[in-house]
Amino acid sequence: MAEKDLIVKPRRPKGDDGYKTFSIRVKEETVSRIDEVSAKTGRSRNELIGMFLDYAVERCKIEGQT
């Protein structure tokens, strides 16, 4: 049986995956509500927050701007 090479690709530098890590302050009530959705859907808190932010940013309207 012929041996095959093991190909190891360099790991991308941290933060080079298209994501940015940062912290925010959130009301405990909001975290509890997100945790409830997480428990019901099996999705992580992080995944849900990303979905919620994408949804809101795409639909955000700034008053007085055209």
PDB file of N, CA and C in Angstrom:
ATOM      1  N   MET A   1       0.850  -1.173   0.000  1.00  0.00           N
ATOM      2  CA  MET A   1       0.000   0.000   0.000  1.00  0.00           C
ATOM      3  C   MET A   1       0.896   1.237   0.000  1.00  0.00           C
ATOM      4  N   ALA A   2       0.609   2.191  -0.888  1.00  0.00           N
ATOM      5  CA  ALA A   2       1.421   3.400  -1.005  1.00  0.00           C
ATOM      6  C   ALA A   2       1.112   4.362   0.134  1.00  0.00           C
ATOM      7  N   GLU A   3       2.169   4.975   0.642  1.00  0.00           N
ATOM      8  CA  GLU A   3       1.972   5.964   1.697  1.00  0.00           C
ATOM      9  C   GLU A   3       1.509   7.280   1.087  1.00  0.00           C
ATOM     10  N   LYS A   4       0.632   7.957   1.789  1.00  0.00           N
ATOM     11  CA  LYS A   4       0.166   9.258   1.333  1.00  0.00           C
ATOM     12  C   LYS A   4       0.723  10.317   2.267  1.00  0.00           C
ATOM     13  N   ASP A   5       1.037  11.458   1.703  1.00  0.00           N
ATOM     14  CA  ASP A   5       1.557  12.555   2.512  1.00  0.00           C
ATOM     15  C   ASP A   5       0.474  13.100   3.423  1.00  0.00           C
ATOM     16  N   LEU A   6       0.869  13.483   4.606  1.00  0.00           N
ATOM     17  CA  LEU A   6      -0.007  14.187   5.514  1.00  0.00           C
ATOM     18  C   LEU A   6       0.176  15.669   5.225  1.00  0.00           C
ATOM     19  N   ILE A   7      -0.887  16.315   4.776  1.00  0.00           N
ATOM     20  CA  ILE A   7      -0.810  17.733   4.428  1.00  0.00           C
ATOM     21  C   ILE A   7      -1.360  18.548   5.588  1.00  0.00           C
ATOM     22  N   VAL A   8      -0.516  19.405   6.123  1.00  0.00           N
ATOM     23  CA  VAL A   8      -0.904  20.276   7.230  1.00  0.00           C
ATOM     24  C   VAL A   8      -0.871  21.711   6.719  1.00  0.00           C
ATOM     25  N   LYS A   9      -2.028  22.341   6.734  1.00  0.00           N
ATOM     26  CA  LYS A   9      -2.115  23.720   6.258  1.00  0.00           C
ATOM     27  C   LYS A   9      -1.904  24.672   7.426  1.00  0.00           C
ATOM     28  N   PRO A  10      -1.264  25.799   7.166  1.00  0.00           N
ATOM     29  CA  PRO A  10      -1.061  26.772   8.247  1.00  0.00           C
ATOM     30  C   PRO A  10      -2.399  27.254   8.790  1.00  0.00           C
ATOM     31  N   ARG A  11      -2.447  27.448  10.079  1.00  0.00           N
ATOM     32  CA  ARG A  11      -3.654  27.965  10.717  1.00  0.00           C
ATOM     33  C   ARG A  11      -3.743  29.462  10.419  1.00  0.00           C
ATOM     34  N   ARG A  12      -4.963  29.901  10.137  1.00  0.00           N
ATOM     35  CA  ARG A  12      -5.169  31.325   9.919  1.00  0.00           C
ATOM     36  C   ARG A  12      -4.941  32.075  11.227  1.00  0.00           C
ATOM     37  N   PRO A  13      -4.381  33.276  11.135  1.00  0.00           N
ATOM     38  CA  PRO A  13      -4.195  34.062  12.360  1.00  0.00           C
ATOM     39  C   PRO A  13      -5.537  34.323  13.039  1.00  0.00           C
ATOM     40  N   LYS A  14      -5.515  34.400  14.355  1.00  0.00           N
ATOM     41  CA  LYS A  14      -6.732  34.653  15.111  1.00  0.00           C
ATOM     42  C   LYS A  14      -7.371  35.948  14.625  1.00  0.00           C
ATOM     43  N   GLY A  15      -8.664  35.898  14.410  1.00  0.00           N
ATOM     44  CA  GLY A  15      -9.384  37.065  13.928  1.00  0.00           C
ATOM     45  C   GLY A  15      -9.438  37.140  12.418  1.00  0.00           C
ATOM     46  N   ASP A  16      -8.820  36.191  11.735  1.00  0.00           N
ATOM     47  CA  ASP A  16      -8.787  36.186  10.275  1.00  0.00           C
ATOM     48  C   ASP A  16      -9.902  35.306   9.714  1.00  0.00           C
ATOM     49  N   ASP A  17     -10.909  35.002  10.527  1.00  0.00           N
ATOM     50  CA  ASP A  17     -11.993  34.123  10.075  1.00  0.00           C
ATOM     51  C   ASP A  17     -13.256  34.907   9.734  1.00  0.00           C
ATOM     52  N   GLY A  18     -13.144  36.239   9.697  1.00  0.00           N
ATOM     53  CA  GLY A  18     -14.285  37.068   9.366  1.00  0.00           C
ATOM     54  C   GLY A  18     -15.114  37.464  10.580  1.00  0.00           C
ATOM     55  N   TYR A  19     -14.685  37.056  11.756  1.00  0.00           N
ATOM     56  CA  TYR A  19     -15.412  37.389  12.977  1.00  0.00           C
ATOM     57  C   TYR A  19     -14.569  38.303  13.845  1.00  0.00           C
ATOM     58  N   LYS A  20     -15.241  39.104  14.634  1.00  0.00           N
ATOM     59  CA  LYS A  20     -14.582  40.022  15.566  1.00  0.00           C
ATOM     60  C   LYS A  20     -15.143  39.750  16.953  1.00  0.00           C
ATOM     61  N   THR A  21     -14.286  39.657  17.929  1.00  0.00           N
ATOM     62  CA  THR A  21     -14.707  39.426  19.303  1.00  0.00           C
ATOM     63  C   THR A  21     -14.677  40.749  20.056  1.00  0.00           C
ATOM     64  N   PHE A  22     -15.770  41.035  20.751  1.00  0.00           N
ATOM     65  CA  PHE A  22     -15.825  42.213  21.602  1.00  0.00           C
ATOM     66  C   PHE A  22     -16.863  41.976  22.684  1.00  0.00           C
ATOM     67  N   SER A  23     -16.828  42.787  23.725  1.00  0.00           N
ATOM     68  CA  SER A  23     -17.776  42.591  24.814  1.00  0.00           C
ATOM     69  C   SER A  23     -18.799  43.716  24.829  1.00  0.00           C
ATOM     70  N   ILE A  24     -19.981  43.391  25.342  1.00  0.00           N
ATOM     71  CA  ILE A  24     -21.047  44.380  25.471  1.00  0.00           C
ATOM     72  C   ILE A  24     -21.732  44.179  26.819  1.00  0.00           C
ATOM     73  N   ARG A  25     -22.421  45.200  27.278  1.00  0.00           N
ATOM     74  CA  ARG A  25     -23.218  45.097  28.492  1.00  0.00           C
ATOM     75  C   ARG A  25     -24.659  44.889  28.069  1.00  0.00           C
ATOM     76  N   VAL A  26     -25.299  43.884  28.658  1.00  0.00           N
ATOM     77  CA  VAL A  26     -26.671  43.541  28.310  1.00  0.00           C
ATOM     78  C   VAL A  26     -27.454  43.351  29.602  1.00  0.00           C
ATOM     79  N   LYS A  27     -28.689  43.821  29.598  1.00  0.00           N
ATOM     80  CA  LYS A  27     -29.537  43.652  30.776  1.00  0.00           C
ATOM     81  C   LYS A  27     -29.719  42.170  31.073  1.00  0.00           C
ATOM     82  N   GLU A  28     -29.774  41.832  32.352  1.00  0.00           N
ATOM     83  CA  GLU A  28     -29.955  40.434  32.764  1.00  0.00           C
ATOM     84  C   GLU A  28     -31.242  39.851  32.180  1.00  0.00           C
ATOM     85  N   GLU A  29     -32.288  40.658  32.111  1.00  0.00           N
ATOM     86  CA  GLU A  29     -33.555  40.193  31.544  1.00  0.00           C
ATOM     87  C   GLU A  29     -33.390  39.781  30.082  1.00  0.00           C
ATOM     88  N   THR A  30     -32.611  40.561  29.340  1.00  0.00           N
ATOM     89  CA  THR A  30     -32.372  40.240  27.933  1.00  0.00           C
ATOM     90  C   THR A  30     -31.592  38.936  27.806  1.00  0.00           C
ATOM     91  N   VAL A  31     -30.578  38.768  28.647  1.00  0.00           N
ATOM     92  CA  VAL A  31     -29.796  37.522  28.620  1.00  0.00           C
ATOM     93  C   VAL A  31     -30.693  36.328  28.942  1.00  0.00           C
ATOM     94  N   SER A  32     -31.581  36.478  29.912  1.00  0.00           N
ATOM     95  CA  SER A  32     -32.504  35.401  30.268  1.00  0.00           C
ATOM     96  C   SER A  32     -33.406  35.038  29.096  1.00  0.00           C
ATOM     97  N   ARG A  33     -33.873  36.051  28.383  1.00  0.00           N
ATOM     98  CA  ARG A  33     -34.745  35.785  27.233  1.00  0.00           C
ATOM     99  C   ARG A  33     -33.970  35.084  26.115  1.00  0.00           C
ATOM    100  N   ILE A  34     -32.739  35.503  25.895  1.00  0.00           N
ATOM    101  CA  ILE A  34     -31.901  34.852  24.875  1.00  0.00           C
ATOM    102  C   ILE A  34     -31.623  33.407  25.285  1.00  0.00           C
ATOM    103  N   ASP A  35     -31.349  33.182  26.569  1.00  0.00           N
ATOM    104  CA  ASP A  35     -31.105  31.828  27.061  1.00  0.00           C
ATOM    105  C   ASP A  35     -32.331  30.937  26.883  1.00  0.00           C
ATOM    106  N   GLU A  36     -33.521  31.504  27.043  1.00  0.00           N
ATOM    107  CA  GLU A  36     -34.754  30.733  26.817  1.00  0.00           C
ATOM    108  C   GLU A  36     -34.859  30.300  25.357  1.00  0.00           C
ATOM    109  N   VAL A  37     -34.578  31.231  24.449  1.00  0.00           N
ATOM    110  CA  VAL A  37     -34.613  30.902  23.019  1.00  0.00           C
ATOM    111  C   VAL A  37     -33.549  29.853  22.713  1.00  0.00           C
ATOM    112  N   SER A  38     -32.386  29.986  23.333  1.00  0.00           N
ATOM    113  CA  SER A  38     -31.302  29.035  23.137  1.00  0.00           C
ATOM    114  C   SER A  38     -31.721  27.625  23.566  1.00  0.00           C
ATOM    115  N   ALA A  39     -32.356  27.541  24.719  1.00  0.00           N
ATOM    116  CA  ALA A  39     -32.789  26.234  25.234  1.00  0.00           C
ATOM    117  C   ALA A  39     -33.857  25.597  24.339  1.00  0.00           C
ATOM    118  N   LYS A  40     -34.736  26.421  23.798  1.00  0.00           N
ATOM    119  CA  LYS A  40     -35.821  25.903  22.959  1.00  0.00           C
ATOM    120  C   LYS A  40     -35.363  25.514  21.563  1.00  0.00           C
ATOM    121  N   THR A  41     -34.309  26.165  21.062  1.00  0.00           N
ATOM    122  CA  THR A  41     -33.873  25.937  19.681  1.00  0.00           C
ATOM    123  C   THR A  41     -32.610  25.101  19.545  1.00  0.00           C
ATOM    124  N   GLY A  42     -31.855  24.960  20.641  1.00  0.00           N
ATOM    125  CA  GLY A  42     -30.595  24.223  20.559  1.00  0.00           C
ATOM    126  C   GLY A  42     -29.470  25.038  19.932  1.00  0.00           C
ATOM    127  N   ARG A  43     -29.712  26.309  19.722  1.00  0.00           N
ATOM    128  CA  ARG A  43     -28.667  27.179  19.169  1.00  0.00           C
ATOM    129  C   ARG A  43     -27.937  27.869  20.320  1.00  0.00           C
ATOM    130  N   SER A  44     -26.662  28.174  20.108  1.00  0.00           N
ATOM    131  CA  SER A  44     -25.893  28.816  21.168  1.00  0.00           C
ATOM    132  C   SER A  44     -26.312  30.270  21.322  1.00  0.00           C
ATOM    133  N   ARG A  45     -26.040  30.811  22.494  1.00  0.00           N
ATOM    134  CA  ARG A  45     -26.319  32.228  22.749  1.00  0.00           C
ATOM    135  C   ARG A  45     -25.586  33.084  21.718  1.00  0.00           C
ATOM    136  N   ASN A  46     -24.335  32.772  21.449  1.00  0.00           N
ATOM    137  CA  ASN A  46     -23.537  33.526  20.487  1.00  0.00           C
ATOM    138  C   ASN A  46     -24.164  33.500  19.101  1.00  0.00           C
ATOM    139  N   GLU A  47     -24.584  32.319  18.657  1.00  0.00           N
ATOM    140  CA  GLU A  47     -25.201  32.182  17.338  1.00  0.00           C
ATOM    141  C   GLU A  47     -26.476  33.015  17.254  1.00  0.00           C
ATOM    142  N   LEU A  48     -27.297  32.958  18.286  1.00  0.00           N
ATOM    143  CA  LEU A  48     -28.541  33.725  18.295  1.00  0.00           C
ATOM    144  C   LEU A  48     -28.276  35.225  18.272  1.00  0.00           C
ATOM    145  N   ILE A  49     -27.337  35.683  19.077  1.00  0.00           N
ATOM    146  CA  ILE A  49     -27.029  37.114  19.104  1.00  0.00           C
ATOM    147  C   ILE A  49     -26.571  37.574  17.731  1.00  0.00           C
ATOM    148  N   GLY A  50     -25.747  36.788  17.067  1.00  0.00           N
ATOM    149  CA  GLY A  50     -25.315  37.122  15.710  1.00  0.00           C
ATOM    150  C   GLY A  50     -26.500  37.222  14.756  1.00  0.00           C
ATOM    151  N   MET A  51     -27.424  36.272  14.858  1.00  0.00           N
ATOM    152  CA  MET A  51     -28.626  36.293  14.010  1.00  0.00           C
ATOM    153  C   MET A  51     -29.469  37.531  14.297  1.00  0.00           C
ATOM    154  N   PHE A  52     -29.652  37.831  15.587  1.00  0.00           N
ATOM    155  CA  PHE A  52     -30.458  38.981  15.971  1.00  0.00           C
ATOM    156  C   PHE A  52     -29.824  40.283  15.469  1.00  0.00           C
ATOM    157  N   LEU A  53     -28.503  40.398  15.601  1.00  0.00           N
ATOM    158  CA  LEU A  53     -27.819  41.606  15.139  1.00  0.00           C
ATOM    159  C   LEU A  53     -27.908  41.761  13.626  1.00  0.00           C
ATOM    160  N   ASP A  54     -27.692  40.677  12.891  1.00  0.00           N
ATOM    161  CA  ASP A  54     -27.814  40.738  11.431  1.00  0.00           C
ATOM    162  C   ASP A  54     -29.204  41.202  11.016  1.00  0.00           C
ATOM    163  N   TYR A  55     -30.222  40.639  11.648  1.00  0.00           N
ATOM    164  CA  TYR A  55     -31.607  40.990  11.348  1.00  0.00           C
ATOM    165  C   TYR A  55     -31.848  42.478  11.600  1.00  0.00           C
ATOM    166  N   ALA A  56     -31.401  42.966  12.751  1.00  0.00           N
ATOM    167  CA  ALA A  56     -31.644  44.359  13.118  1.00  0.00           C
ATOM    168  C   ALA A  56     -30.880  45.332  12.225  1.00  0.00           C
ATOM    169  N   VAL A  57     -29.625  45.040  11.941  1.00  0.00           N
ATOM    170  CA  VAL A  57     -28.811  45.947  11.136  1.00  0.00           C
ATOM    171  C   VAL A  57     -29.385  46.065   9.724  1.00  0.00           C
ATOM    172  N   GLU A  58     -29.847  44.970   9.164  1.00  0.00           N
ATOM    173  CA  GLU A  58     -30.408  44.985   7.806  1.00  0.00           C
ATOM    174  C   GLU A  58     -31.706  45.790   7.737  1.00  0.00           C
ATOM    175  N   ARG A  59     -32.403  45.933   8.854  1.00  0.00           N
ATOM    176  CA  ARG A  59     -33.698  46.611   8.863  1.00  0.00           C
ATOM    177  C   ARG A  59     -33.670  47.963   9.570  1.00  0.00           C
ATOM    178  N   CYS A  60     -32.504  48.399   9.969  1.00  0.00           N
ATOM    179  CA  CYS A  60     -32.355  49.652  10.700  1.00  0.00           C
ATOM    180  C   CYS A  60     -32.591  50.840   9.766  1.00  0.00           C
ATOM    181  N   LYS A  61     -33.406  51.764  10.222  1.00  0.00           N
ATOM    182  CA  LYS A  61     -33.654  53.019   9.490  1.00  0.00           C
ATOM    183  C   LYS A  61     -33.250  54.166  10.392  1.00  0.00           C
ATOM    184  N   ILE A  62     -32.569  55.138   9.833  1.00  0.00           N
ATOM    185  CA  ILE A  62     -32.143  56.299  10.596  1.00  0.00           C
ATOM    186  C   ILE A  62     -33.058  57.462  10.235  1.00  0.00           C
ATOM    187  N   GLU A  63     -33.713  58.009  11.230  1.00  0.00           N
ATOM    188  CA  GLU A  63     -34.642  59.102  10.988  1.00  0.00           C
ATOM    189  C   GLU A  63     -33.897  60.321  10.467  1.00  0.00           C
ATOM    190  N   GLY A  64     -34.519  61.009   9.510  1.00  0.00           N
ATOM    191  CA  GLY A  64     -33.929  62.201   8.951  1.00  0.00           C
ATOM    192  C   GLY A  64     -32.915  61.921   7.849  1.00  0.00           C
ATOM    193  N   GLN A  65     -32.675  60.654   7.556  1.00  0.00           N
ATOM    194  CA  GLN A  65     -31.729  60.261   6.493  1.00  0.00           C
ATOM    195  C   GLN A  65     -32.513  59.660   5.325  1.00  0.00           C
ATOM    196  N   THR A  66     -32.067  59.892   4.133  1.00  0.00           N
ATOM    197  CA  THR A  66     -32.739  59.299   2.969  1.00  0.00           C
ATOM    198  C   THR A  66     -31.908  58.205   2.380  1.00  0.00           C
TER     199      THR A  66
END
